[in-house]
Amino acid sequence: IMESRKPYLATLPGLILGCLVCCALWGSAFPCIKIGYALFGIPAHDSASQLLFAGLRFTLAGALVIVGMSAAQRRPLIPQARDIKPIFILSLFQTIGQYFFFYLGLSRASAMSSSIIEASANFLAILFAARTEKLNTAKVLGCALGFAGVALVNLSGADGTFGFRLDGEGFILASTVAGALSTCLIGIFSREHDGVLLAGWQFLVGGLVLTAIGFLMGGALSPTAIAPAIALIIYMALISAVAYSLWSRLLAVNPVSRVSVFGFMNPVFGVLLSALLLGEGAGTSPVTVIVALLLVCGGIIIVNKPKKA
């Protein structure tokens, strides 16, 4: 009987708690990246230094996962031959592809456009997973509500226009596709491989590649205050390490659609935390944020509503 019990993260309370922790951590990354640019002396359009900054973050995240989990499990977290291919495939989509295009595109695209395009990753992940999971009306409706909430909170506070440039919004879209594919790949690989091991090593590989690209492009980091800069980069590495490891586990024990729909909470947390930490979003009314949150939550509830027997 004990063996047939569901893991806690496969239960509805565990799913909700785990996903909200991940989304809150990822949401805090939006203001932290902007704070990091200021602390490391990175100009707004210095793509090379931004890639170097991202590479440092993910390299450290990988090292933290590998060292921390090796200590926790009292065994070295070393990949076997069968793990090498999934590590490189995940690294290509999750870290290298997603963040190379994201950091380059973000410097040329408006924040509003980027947020709305990034939110479409949740749609794409569920569509990509349709090969193994049945796509039904509830999933489509839930995603539509979640996307509407994200669009509402971004459009209401926008001070620019929604445009599309190939090297701006086009790169953000490419980043979104890579991220959605990685979500499906995590769900597949984590069923047969150690998800934490994959997370740590794909971060390390991807981070080193991004660091090398940023360095070769002429990037440089010039911290204005050493202690706060180090503290921030460690926190950002922990965001990636903790959230990605937990998300991998959630995808291993739940259908991709049930987990992915929670991704619409990322921009909502991003807006709230940006307002709190950076004072942004003065043009967005609290009522709009509440309505957006209700739309997102409604979408999550619809996708995760138990089926009638």
Protein backbone atom coordinates (compact mmCIF):
# COMPACT_ATOMS: atom_id res chain seq x y z
CA ILE A 1 0.00 0.00 0.00
CA MET A 2 2.83 2.38 0.88
CA GLU A 3 4.45 1.85 -2.52
CA SER A 4 1.25 2.82 -4.35
CA ARG A 5 1.00 6.21 -2.65
CA LYS A 6 1.51 9.24 -4.86
CA PRO A 7 4.58 11.41 -4.29
CA TYR A 8 3.55 14.65 -2.54
CA LEU A 9 4.39 16.74 -5.64
CA ALA A 10 1.94 14.60 -7.65
CA THR A 11 -0.95 15.57 -5.36
CA LEU A 12 -2.91 18.79 -6.03
CA PRO A 13 -1.66 20.61 -2.89
CA GLY A 14 1.93 19.57 -3.68
CA LEU A 15 1.56 20.62 -7.32
CA ILE A 16 0.18 24.05 -6.38
CA LEU A 17 2.78 24.70 -3.69
CA GLY A 18 5.70 23.51 -5.82
CA CYS A 19 4.63 25.51 -8.88
CA LEU A 20 4.00 28.70 -6.90
CA VAL A 21 7.44 28.48 -5.26
CA CYS A 22 9.04 28.09 -8.71
CA CYS A 23 7.02 30.96 -10.20
CA ALA A 24 7.78 33.29 -7.29
CA LEU A 25 11.50 32.57 -7.67
CA TRP A 26 11.44 33.03 -11.46
CA GLY A 27 9.29 36.16 -11.08
CA SER A 28 11.93 37.69 -8.81
CA ALA A 29 14.50 37.19 -11.58
CA PHE A 30 12.98 40.01 -13.67
CA PRO A 31 13.81 42.83 -11.20
CA CYS A 32 17.02 41.07 -10.12
CA ILE A 33 18.37 41.11 -13.68
CA LYS A 34 17.83 44.88 -13.85
CA ILE A 35 19.43 45.36 -10.43
CA GLY A 36 22.29 43.14 -11.58
CA TYR A 37 22.91 45.25 -14.69
CA ALA A 38 23.30 48.29 -12.43
CA LEU A 39 25.53 46.51 -9.89
CA PHE A 40 27.80 45.03 -12.59
CA GLY A 41 27.97 48.21 -14.67
CA ILE A 42 26.29 46.69 -17.75
CA PRO A 43 24.78 49.22 -20.22
CA ALA A 44 21.29 48.55 -21.55
CA HIS A 45 22.43 47.56 -25.05
CA ASP A 46 25.69 45.78 -24.19
CA SER A 47 24.62 42.31 -25.34
CA ALA A 48 28.07 40.77 -24.88
CA SER A 49 28.24 41.74 -21.19
CA GLN A 50 24.64 40.63 -20.68
CA LEU A 51 25.50 37.17 -22.06
CA LEU A 52 28.59 37.09 -19.84
CA PHE A 53 26.41 37.99 -16.84
CA ALA A 54 23.92 35.23 -17.77
CA GLY A 55 26.73 32.73 -18.28
CA LEU A 56 28.20 33.48 -14.85
CA ARG A 57 24.77 33.07 -13.26
CA PHE A 58 24.06 29.67 -14.84
CA THR A 59 27.58 28.32 -14.39
CA LEU A 60 27.32 29.09 -10.68
CA ALA A 61 23.78 27.60 -10.59
CA GLY A 62 25.09 24.35 -12.05
CA ALA A 63 27.98 24.21 -9.60
CA LEU A 64 25.62 24.84 -6.66
CA VAL A 65 23.28 22.02 -7.73
CA ILE A 66 26.11 19.55 -8.33
CA VAL A 67 28.03 20.31 -5.11
CA GLY A 68 24.94 20.79 -2.93
CA MET A 69 23.16 17.62 -4.03
CA SER A 70 26.38 15.60 -3.92
CA ALA A 71 26.72 16.60 -0.26
CA ALA A 72 23.02 15.98 0.47
CA GLN A 73 23.04 12.53 -1.14
CA ARG A 74 26.52 11.70 0.18
CA ARG A 75 27.65 10.62 -3.27
CA PRO A 76 29.21 12.50 -6.18
CA LEU A 77 26.59 13.69 -8.68
CA ILE A 78 28.52 12.49 -11.72
CA PRO A 79 26.67 11.72 -14.97
CA GLN A 80 26.91 8.25 -16.49
CA ALA A 81 27.33 7.64 -20.22
CA ARG A 82 23.55 7.37 -20.66
CA ASP A 83 23.09 10.87 -19.14
CA ILE A 84 25.45 12.72 -21.50
CA LYS A 85 23.07 13.02 -24.47
CA PRO A 86 20.08 14.33 -22.40
CA ILE A 87 22.38 16.82 -20.63
CA PHE A 88 23.63 18.32 -23.91
CA ILE A 89 20.16 18.33 -25.51
CA LEU A 90 18.61 20.06 -22.47
CA SER A 91 21.51 22.49 -22.26
CA LEU A 92 21.09 23.42 -25.93
CA PHE A 93 17.40 24.31 -25.53
CA GLN A 94 16.99 25.27 -21.86
CA THR A 95 20.06 27.40 -21.20
CA ILE A 96 22.03 28.15 -24.38
CA GLY A 97 19.19 28.59 -26.89
CA GLN A 98 16.63 30.13 -24.56
CA TYR A 99 18.87 32.67 -22.85
CA PHE A 100 21.12 33.53 -25.82
CA PHE A 101 18.07 34.73 -27.76
CA PHE A 102 16.38 36.16 -24.64
CA TYR A 103 19.25 38.41 -23.57
CA LEU A 104 19.97 39.61 -27.11
CA GLY A 105 16.29 40.14 -27.97
CA LEU A 106 15.44 41.89 -24.70
CA SER A 107 17.85 44.74 -25.47
CA ARG A 108 15.92 45.52 -28.68
CA ALA A 109 12.33 44.60 -27.75
CA SER A 110 9.92 46.42 -25.45
CA ALA A 111 9.29 44.89 -22.04
CA MET A 112 5.57 44.69 -22.83
CA SER A 113 6.08 42.79 -26.08
CA SER A 114 8.62 40.47 -24.42
CA SER A 115 6.35 39.61 -21.49
CA ILE A 116 3.40 38.77 -23.74
CA ILE A 117 5.53 36.70 -26.13
CA GLU A 118 7.22 34.88 -23.23
CA ALA A 119 3.81 34.01 -21.79
CA SER A 120 3.02 32.15 -25.01
CA ALA A 121 5.60 29.53 -23.95
CA ASN A 122 2.93 27.98 -21.75
CA PHE A 123 0.65 27.57 -24.77
CA LEU A 124 3.49 26.12 -26.83
CA ALA A 125 4.55 23.65 -24.13
CA ILE A 126 1.02 22.22 -23.95
CA LEU A 127 0.75 22.12 -27.76
CA PHE A 128 4.13 20.36 -28.08
CA ALA A 129 3.04 17.88 -25.41
CA ALA A 130 -0.11 17.07 -27.41
CA ARG A 131 1.81 14.23 -29.05
CA THR A 132 1.77 12.36 -25.75
CA GLU A 133 -1.05 14.14 -23.87
CA LYS A 134 -4.55 14.65 -25.25
CA LEU A 135 -5.33 18.29 -26.06
CA ASN A 136 -8.84 19.10 -24.83
CA THR A 137 -11.14 22.09 -24.46
CA ALA A 138 -10.20 22.65 -20.79
CA LYS A 139 -6.49 22.96 -21.61
CA VAL A 140 -7.12 25.41 -24.45
CA LEU A 141 -9.58 27.51 -22.39
CA GLY A 142 -7.27 27.51 -19.35
CA CYS A 143 -4.35 28.71 -21.44
CA ALA A 144 -6.50 31.38 -23.10
CA LEU A 145 -7.53 32.79 -19.70
CA GLY A 146 -3.95 32.73 -18.43
CA PHE A 147 -2.64 34.46 -21.55
CA ALA A 148 -5.41 37.08 -21.28
CA GLY A 149 -4.33 37.85 -17.72
CA VAL A 150 -0.70 38.31 -18.75
CA ALA A 151 -1.66 40.50 -21.73
CA LEU A 152 -3.96 42.64 -19.55
CA VAL A 153 -1.36 43.40 -16.89
CA ASN A 154 1.26 44.27 -19.52
CA LEU A 155 -0.92 46.29 -21.89
CA SER A 156 -2.40 48.38 -19.08
CA GLY A 157 0.99 49.50 -17.80
CA ALA A 158 2.66 49.88 -21.18
CA ASP A 159 4.25 53.17 -22.11
CA GLY A 160 5.23 52.04 -25.61
CA THR A 161 3.70 50.20 -28.50
CA PHE A 162 3.56 46.54 -29.36
CA GLY A 163 5.92 46.05 -32.28
CA PHE A 164 7.85 43.25 -33.91
CA ARG A 165 11.50 43.29 -35.00
CA LEU A 166 13.30 40.17 -36.15
CA ASP A 167 16.32 40.86 -33.92
CA GLY A 168 14.08 41.98 -31.05
CA GLU A 169 10.69 40.37 -30.60
CA GLY A 170 11.75 37.71 -33.15
CA PHE A 171 14.61 36.65 -30.86
CA ILE A 172 12.24 36.66 -27.86
CA LEU A 173 9.93 34.34 -29.81
CA ALA A 174 12.86 32.03 -30.63
CA SER A 175 13.73 32.02 -26.92
CA THR A 176 10.14 31.15 -26.08
CA VAL A 177 10.06 28.21 -28.51
CA ALA A 178 13.34 26.88 -27.05
CA GLY A 179 11.96 27.20 -23.53
CA ALA A 180 8.69 25.43 -24.41
CA LEU A 181 10.58 22.57 -26.06
CA SER A 182 12.83 22.25 -23.02
CA THR A 183 9.75 21.96 -20.76
CA CYS A 184 8.57 18.94 -22.75
CA LEU A 185 12.07 17.46 -22.84
CA ILE A 186 12.41 17.81 -19.05
CA GLY A 187 9.16 15.89 -18.59
CA ILE A 188 10.43 13.10 -20.87
CA PHE A 189 14.03 12.84 -19.61
CA SER A 190 13.18 13.17 -15.89
CA ARG A 191 11.16 9.94 -16.01
CA GLU A 192 14.24 7.88 -16.88
CA HIS A 193 17.10 10.01 -15.56
CA ASP A 194 17.89 11.83 -12.31
CA GLY A 195 16.23 15.23 -12.86
CA VAL A 196 18.50 17.01 -10.38
CA LEU A 197 21.62 15.58 -12.04
CA LEU A 198 20.35 16.74 -15.46
CA ALA A 199 19.54 20.19 -14.04
CA GLY A 200 22.95 20.72 -12.48
CA TRP A 201 25.03 19.55 -15.41
CA GLN A 202 22.95 21.20 -18.14
CA PHE A 203 23.24 24.52 -16.25
CA LEU A 204 27.01 24.09 -15.94
CA VAL A 205 27.47 23.22 -19.64
CA GLY A 206 25.08 25.95 -20.82
CA GLY A 207 26.55 28.54 -18.46
CA LEU A 208 30.10 27.87 -19.64
CA VAL A 209 29.03 28.16 -23.29
CA LEU A 210 27.22 31.48 -22.65
CA THR A 211 30.21 32.76 -20.68
CA ALA A 212 32.54 31.87 -23.56
CA ILE A 213 30.24 33.54 -26.12
CA GLY A 214 29.94 36.71 -24.03
CA PHE A 215 33.71 36.86 -23.45
CA LEU A 216 34.54 36.31 -27.14
CA MET A 217 32.05 39.06 -28.08
CA GLY A 218 34.01 41.45 -25.85
CA GLY A 219 31.80 41.43 -22.77
CA ALA A 220 33.06 42.69 -19.40
CA LEU A 221 31.72 42.94 -15.85
CA SER A 222 32.68 45.94 -13.69
CA PRO A 223 30.99 45.65 -10.27
CA THR A 224 30.25 49.02 -8.66
CA ALA A 225 29.96 47.39 -5.22
CA ILE A 226 31.61 44.00 -4.70
CA ALA A 227 29.59 42.60 -1.76
CA PRO A 228 26.08 43.40 -3.12
CA ALA A 229 27.10 42.20 -6.60
CA ILE A 230 28.34 38.84 -5.25
CA ALA A 231 25.22 38.45 -3.06
CA LEU A 232 22.96 39.13 -6.03
CA ILE A 233 24.69 36.71 -8.41
CA ILE A 234 24.55 33.97 -5.75
CA TYR A 235 20.82 34.61 -5.22
CA MET A 236 20.18 34.53 -8.98
CA ALA A 237 22.11 31.28 -9.25
CA LEU A 238 19.97 29.86 -6.44
CA ILE A 239 16.80 30.97 -8.29
CA SER A 240 17.82 28.82 -11.24
CA ALA A 241 19.15 25.91 -9.18
CA VAL A 242 16.18 25.57 -6.82
CA ALA A 243 13.34 26.44 -9.20
CA TYR A 244 14.58 24.36 -12.12
CA SER A 245 15.31 21.30 -9.96
CA LEU A 246 11.85 21.51 -8.35
CA TRP A 247 10.16 22.15 -11.73
CA SER A 248 11.92 19.10 -13.20
CA ARG A 249 10.56 16.95 -10.40
CA LEU A 250 7.05 18.35 -10.87
CA LEU A 251 7.19 17.54 -14.60
CA ALA A 252 8.41 14.02 -13.82
CA VAL A 253 5.36 13.17 -11.70
CA ASN A 254 2.62 15.27 -13.37
CA PRO A 255 1.33 15.80 -16.93
CA VAL A 256 3.12 18.67 -18.72
CA SER A 257 -0.16 20.58 -19.21
CA ARG A 258 -0.98 20.61 -15.47
CA VAL A 259 2.42 22.05 -14.63
CA SER A 260 2.93 24.39 -17.60
CA VAL A 261 -0.28 26.36 -17.04
CA PHE A 262 1.18 27.63 -13.74
CA GLY A 263 3.84 29.38 -15.83
CA PHE A 264 1.35 32.22 -16.40
CA MET A 265 2.04 33.17 -12.76
CA ASN A 266 5.65 34.11 -13.66
CA PRO A 267 4.80 37.49 -15.24
CA VAL A 268 2.29 38.23 -12.49
CA PHE A 269 4.96 37.68 -9.81
CA GLY A 270 7.36 39.64 -12.03
CA VAL A 271 5.02 42.66 -12.14
CA LEU A 272 4.34 42.56 -8.39
CA LEU A 273 8.02 42.14 -7.41
CA SER A 274 9.18 44.77 -9.94
CA ALA A 275 6.73 47.21 -8.39
CA LEU A 276 7.98 46.32 -4.90
CA LEU A 277 11.74 46.30 -5.61
CA LEU A 278 12.07 48.80 -8.47
CA GLY A 279 8.98 50.99 -8.14
CA GLU A 280 7.91 50.07 -11.68
CA GLY A 281 4.35 49.71 -12.93
CA ALA A 282 3.06 53.03 -11.63
CA GLY A 283 0.64 53.10 -14.58
CA THR A 284 -0.91 49.76 -13.65
CA SER A 285 -3.85 49.98 -11.25
CA PRO A 286 -4.25 47.48 -8.40
CA VAL A 287 -7.68 46.54 -9.85
CA THR A 288 -6.04 45.54 -13.15
CA VAL A 289 -3.49 43.37 -11.36
CA ILE A 290 -6.26 41.68 -9.34
CA VAL A 291 -8.33 41.00 -12.49
CA ALA A 292 -5.24 39.65 -14.26
CA LEU A 293 -4.48 37.42 -11.28
CA LEU A 294 -8.06 36.10 -11.26
CA LEU A 295 -7.83 35.29 -14.99
CA VAL A 296 -4.55 33.44 -14.49
CA CYS A 297 -5.87 31.53 -11.47
CA GLY A 298 -9.05 30.70 -13.37
CA GLY A 299 -7.00 29.19 -16.17
CA ILE A 300 -4.97 27.13 -13.70
CA ILE A 301 -8.12 25.83 -12.00
CA ILE A 302 -9.74 24.83 -15.31
CA VAL A 303 -6.68 22.87 -16.50
CA ASN A 304 -6.23 21.13 -13.14
CA LYS A 305 -9.92 20.45 -12.42
CA PRO A 306 -10.35 16.73 -11.68
CA LYS A 307 -12.20 14.78 -14.35
CA LYS A 308 -15.59 13.35 -13.43
CA ALA A 309 -15.60 9.62 -13.03
